[in-house]
Protein backbone atom coordinates (compact mmCIF):
# COMPACT_ATOMS: atom_id res chain seq x y z
CA MET A 1 65.54 195.03 138.26
CA ALA A 2 66.07 198.80 137.99
CA ARG A 3 68.66 200.22 140.35
CA SER A 4 69.36 203.77 141.47
CA PRO A 5 72.53 205.43 140.21
CA PHE A 6 75.36 205.99 142.65
CA TYR A 7 78.96 207.00 143.06
CA MET A 8 80.99 204.70 145.31
CA ILE A 9 84.34 205.71 146.74
CA ARG A 10 86.86 203.75 148.75
CA HIS A 11 88.20 205.61 151.78
CA GLY A 12 91.52 207.37 151.35
CA GLU A 13 94.80 205.65 152.10
CA THR A 14 95.87 204.76 155.64
CA ASP A 15 99.34 203.83 156.85
CA TRP A 16 98.15 200.21 157.06
CA ASN A 17 97.10 200.28 153.39
CA ARG A 18 100.57 201.48 152.50
CA GLU A 19 102.16 198.72 154.64
CA GLY A 20 99.97 195.95 153.17
CA ARG A 21 98.46 195.28 156.60
CA TYR A 22 94.96 193.80 156.94
CA GLN A 23 92.68 196.45 158.48
CA GLY A 24 89.23 194.95 158.25
CA THR A 25 87.16 196.45 161.06
CA VAL A 26 90.13 197.96 162.93
CA ASP A 27 89.70 201.72 162.70
CA ILE A 28 92.87 203.28 161.29
CA PRO A 29 92.90 207.00 160.34
CA LEU A 30 93.68 208.45 156.93
CA ASN A 31 97.26 209.46 156.29
CA ALA A 32 98.23 212.65 154.40
CA ARG A 33 98.00 210.91 151.03
CA GLY A 34 94.56 209.54 151.94
CA HIS A 35 93.41 213.05 152.82
CA ARG A 36 94.57 214.31 149.40
CA GLN A 37 92.84 211.39 147.66
CA ALA A 38 89.58 212.27 149.40
CA GLU A 39 89.93 215.92 148.36
CA ARG A 40 90.58 214.87 144.77
CA ASN A 41 87.60 212.51 144.72
CA GLY A 42 85.44 215.28 146.17
CA ALA A 43 86.56 217.66 143.42
CA LEU A 44 85.84 214.95 140.83
CA LEU A 45 82.35 214.44 142.25
CA ALA A 46 81.77 218.20 142.16
CA SER A 47 82.41 218.08 138.41
CA LEU A 48 80.07 215.09 137.98
CA THR A 49 77.16 216.15 140.18
CA PRO A 50 75.99 219.70 139.45
CA SER A 51 73.19 219.34 142.05
CA PRO A 52 74.61 217.34 144.98
CA LEU A 53 71.69 218.39 147.18
CA HIS A 54 69.54 215.84 145.35
CA TRP A 55 71.84 212.96 146.28
CA ARG A 56 71.80 210.85 149.42
CA PHE A 57 75.18 210.48 151.15
CA ILE A 58 75.89 207.20 152.96
CA SER A 59 79.06 206.04 154.73
CA SER A 60 80.49 203.03 156.47
CA PRO A 61 80.61 203.57 160.24
CA LEU A 62 84.42 203.27 160.34
CA GLY A 63 86.34 206.49 160.91
CA ARG A 64 88.50 206.28 157.79
CA ALA A 65 85.36 206.15 155.63
CA ARG A 66 83.57 208.85 157.62
CA HIS A 67 86.58 211.17 157.41
CA THR A 68 86.71 210.58 153.65
CA MET A 69 82.98 211.37 153.38
CA GLU A 70 83.39 214.58 155.38
CA ILE A 71 86.23 215.74 153.14
CA ILE A 72 84.18 214.93 150.03
CA ARG A 73 81.14 216.81 151.34
CA SER A 74 83.33 219.82 152.13
CA GLU A 75 84.68 219.74 148.57
CA LEU A 76 81.06 219.77 147.36
CA GLY A 77 80.29 222.81 149.52
CA LEU A 78 77.98 220.79 151.78
CA PRO A 79 77.95 220.52 155.59
CA PRO A 80 80.59 217.85 156.28
CA ASP A 81 78.69 215.88 158.92
CA ASP A 82 75.25 215.66 157.26
CA TYR A 83 75.20 212.07 155.96
CA LEU A 84 73.84 208.65 156.85
CA ILE A 85 75.72 205.70 158.35
CA ASP A 86 74.90 202.17 157.22
CA GLN A 87 76.42 199.21 159.06
CA ARG A 88 76.26 197.06 155.91
CA LEU A 89 79.00 199.22 154.39
CA ILE A 90 81.58 198.24 157.02
CA GLU A 91 84.67 196.47 155.70
CA ILE A 92 84.75 192.70 155.82
CA THR A 93 86.40 191.41 158.95
CA PHE A 94 89.64 189.52 158.50
CA GLY A 95 89.30 188.00 161.98
CA LYS A 96 92.63 187.10 163.56
CA TRP A 97 94.44 188.30 160.42
CA GLU A 98 93.58 191.92 161.20
CA GLN A 99 96.64 194.02 162.06
CA LYS A 100 98.94 191.55 160.27
CA CYS A 101 100.82 191.83 156.98
CA LEU A 102 100.40 189.21 154.27
CA ALA A 103 104.18 188.66 154.17
CA ASP A 104 104.13 187.69 157.86
CA LEU A 105 101.09 185.43 157.40
CA LYS A 106 102.86 183.58 154.59
CA ILE A 107 105.44 182.56 157.21
CA SER A 108 103.15 181.96 160.20
CA GLU A 109 100.13 180.46 158.38
CA PRO A 110 101.33 179.24 154.96
CA GLN A 111 98.56 176.63 154.46
CA GLU A 112 95.79 179.11 155.27
CA VAL A 113 97.31 181.71 152.94
CA ALA A 114 97.56 179.06 150.20
CA ARG A 115 93.85 178.24 150.65
CA ARG A 116 93.04 181.94 150.33
CA GLU A 117 95.08 182.23 147.15
CA GLN A 118 93.11 179.34 145.61
CA ASN A 119 89.85 181.30 145.84
CA LYS A 120 89.89 184.61 147.70
CA TRP A 121 86.19 185.13 147.00
CA VAL A 122 84.92 182.37 149.28
CA HIS A 123 87.87 182.04 151.66
CA VAL A 124 87.08 182.92 155.28
CA PRO A 125 90.13 184.00 157.29
CA PRO A 126 90.12 182.50 160.82
CA GLY A 127 87.37 184.34 162.70
CA GLY A 128 86.58 186.52 159.67
CA GLU A 129 84.21 186.63 156.73
CA SER A 130 84.48 186.17 152.98
CA TYR A 131 83.84 188.52 150.10
CA ALA A 132 80.85 186.29 149.28
CA ASP A 133 79.47 187.09 152.75
CA ALA A 134 79.87 190.80 152.00
CA ALA A 135 78.05 190.38 148.67
CA ALA A 136 75.05 188.91 150.50
CA ARG A 137 75.07 191.90 152.85
CA MET A 138 75.32 194.35 149.96
CA ALA A 139 72.49 192.70 148.00
CA THR A 140 70.07 193.83 150.72
CA PHE A 141 71.63 197.29 150.71
CA PHE A 142 71.05 197.70 146.98
CA ASP A 143 67.52 196.28 147.21
CA GLU A 144 66.73 199.20 149.53
CA LEU A 145 68.69 201.93 147.72
CA ALA A 146 65.91 204.05 146.22
CA GLU A 147 67.59 207.31 145.24
CA PRO A 148 70.83 208.55 143.67
CA SER A 149 73.60 208.25 146.26
CA VAL A 150 77.22 208.93 147.09
CA ILE A 151 78.61 206.00 149.08
CA VAL A 152 81.94 205.88 150.92
CA CYS A 153 83.08 202.44 151.99
CA HIS A 154 85.94 199.94 151.69
CA GLY A 155 87.77 197.73 149.22
CA GLY A 156 85.91 194.56 150.20
CA ILE A 157 82.55 196.28 149.83
CA ILE A 158 83.43 197.63 146.39
CA ARG A 159 84.49 194.12 145.36
CA ALA A 160 81.13 192.79 146.58
CA THR A 161 79.35 195.57 144.67
CA ARG A 162 81.20 194.78 141.45
CA PHE A 163 80.23 191.12 141.83
CA ILE A 164 76.54 192.10 142.13
CA LEU A 165 76.48 194.66 139.31
CA GLU A 166 79.02 193.42 136.78
CA ASP A 167 78.38 189.68 136.99
CA LEU A 168 82.11 188.95 137.07
CA ASP A 169 83.92 185.97 138.54
CA GLY A 170 84.31 186.48 142.29
CA HIS A 171 87.87 185.16 142.46
CA ARG A 172 88.90 187.57 139.70
CA ILE A 173 87.27 190.53 141.48
CA ALA A 174 88.84 189.57 144.82
CA SER A 175 92.28 189.53 143.20
CA GLU A 176 92.01 192.95 141.51
CA PRO A 177 93.15 196.06 143.39
CA VAL A 178 90.53 198.62 144.43
CA PRO A 179 91.80 202.17 143.83
CA GLN A 180 91.51 204.90 146.43
CA ASP A 181 91.94 207.68 143.88
CA LYS A 182 89.01 206.89 141.58
CA VAL A 183 85.22 206.89 141.76
CA TYR A 184 83.17 203.80 140.91
CA ALA A 185 80.18 205.19 139.02
CA PHE A 186 76.93 203.33 138.33
CA ASP A 187 74.41 205.08 136.07
CA GLY A 188 71.51 202.70 136.73
CA SER A 189 72.61 200.09 134.21
CA LEU A 190 76.40 200.26 133.65
CA ALA A 191 79.29 200.69 136.06
CA LYS A 192 82.78 202.07 135.44
CA TRP A 193 85.75 203.65 137.19
CA ILE A 194 86.20 207.41 136.75
CA ALA A 195 89.43 209.27 137.52
């Protein structure tokens, strides 16, 4: 099936990213480094998209993604707040693990953490959702994506996207870091990271 090209960007860094704390759907603002990452990704997009007016801009509803999108649009010389919100782009929820650090969970919930380490792709944190759940959500998003787009979202959503487009093992994808200082580019057939 033919797919529209897109650029996908993870929101810039937050203090919780730096601390290794599960954010999920908790809305944490960008820190100074995250702001710089968004500016850099915007400048990179400006070099890649000579006519950004012909692209659709879509963001997760969470503030850290929206702020990243607004910085990117400003770097492109576009009105910062003129973009779409799509609920399917929201980060996966980590349920009762949100706001906690992995190091603390290894002490308080060692068996659950061990289950997650066995296969992060399908593991559902207590009260949360899995990366596989996010992939199902994103499949419908891509079925409806009909024009070139710039998408700002989250690490879990980019993992789900890579699973759909690259046909890679889910556990492998779930274990790989998702950079906040690169752009995930899909040209309609192949995907790659651009820095």
